Protein backbone atom coordinates (compact mmCIF):
# COMPACT_ATOMS: atom_id res chain seq x y z
CA UNK A 1 0.00 0.00 0.00
CA UNK A 2 1.14 3.59 -0.37
CA UNK A 3 3.58 4.74 2.32
CA UNK A 4 2.39 8.36 2.29
CA UNK A 5 3.33 9.67 5.72
CA UNK A 6 4.72 6.22 6.62
CA UNK A 7 2.69 6.08 9.83
CA UNK A 8 1.17 2.69 8.99
CA UNK A 9 4.59 1.15 8.38
CA UNK A 10 5.98 2.68 11.58
CA UNK A 11 3.04 1.44 13.66
CA UNK A 12 3.37 -2.03 12.14
CA UNK A 13 7.13 -2.02 12.86
CA UNK A 14 6.45 -1.25 16.51
CA UNK A 15 4.52 -4.54 16.71
CA UNK A 16 6.50 -6.69 14.25
CA UNK A 17 10.12 -7.34 13.35
CA UNK A 18 9.59 -7.30 9.56
CA UNK A 19 7.49 -4.82 7.59
CA UNK A 20 7.36 -4.09 3.85
CA UNK A 21 6.21 -0.63 2.76
CA UNK A 22 5.44 0.03 -0.92
CA UNK A 23 4.78 3.21 -2.89
CA UNK A 24 5.16 4.19 -6.55
CA UNK A 25 6.15 7.74 -5.62
CA UNK A 26 9.90 7.96 -4.90
CA UNK A 27 9.40 11.10 -2.78
CA UNK A 28 7.00 9.19 -0.52
CA UNK A 29 9.47 6.33 -0.18
CA UNK A 30 12.21 8.81 0.78
CA UNK A 31 9.94 10.46 3.33
CA UNK A 32 9.05 7.02 4.70
CA UNK A 33 12.69 6.09 5.14
CA UNK A 34 13.39 9.37 6.97
CA UNK A 35 10.34 8.92 9.21
CA UNK A 36 11.36 5.37 10.07
CA UNK A 37 14.86 6.57 10.96
CA UNK A 38 13.49 9.33 13.19
CA UNK A 39 11.28 6.81 14.98
CA UNK A 40 14.02 4.21 15.43
CA UNK A 41 12.37 1.47 13.38
CA UNK A 42 14.21 1.72 10.05
CA UNK A 43 15.94 -1.63 10.60
CA UNK A 44 12.51 -3.32 10.69
CA UNK A 45 11.05 -1.77 7.52
CA UNK A 46 11.94 -2.55 3.92
CA UNK A 47 10.79 0.20 1.57
CA UNK A 48 10.06 -0.68 -2.07
């Protein structure tokens, strides 16, 4: 699903060790990566 503000991926990563976040917009993927880093869950999320 679209990462948009990445909140769904971050919330999922807080409950799980492996999350896949998908978006066709490269800006959204970049924002998702930054958001995951700021929230300390980037190691748990794979952005596509």
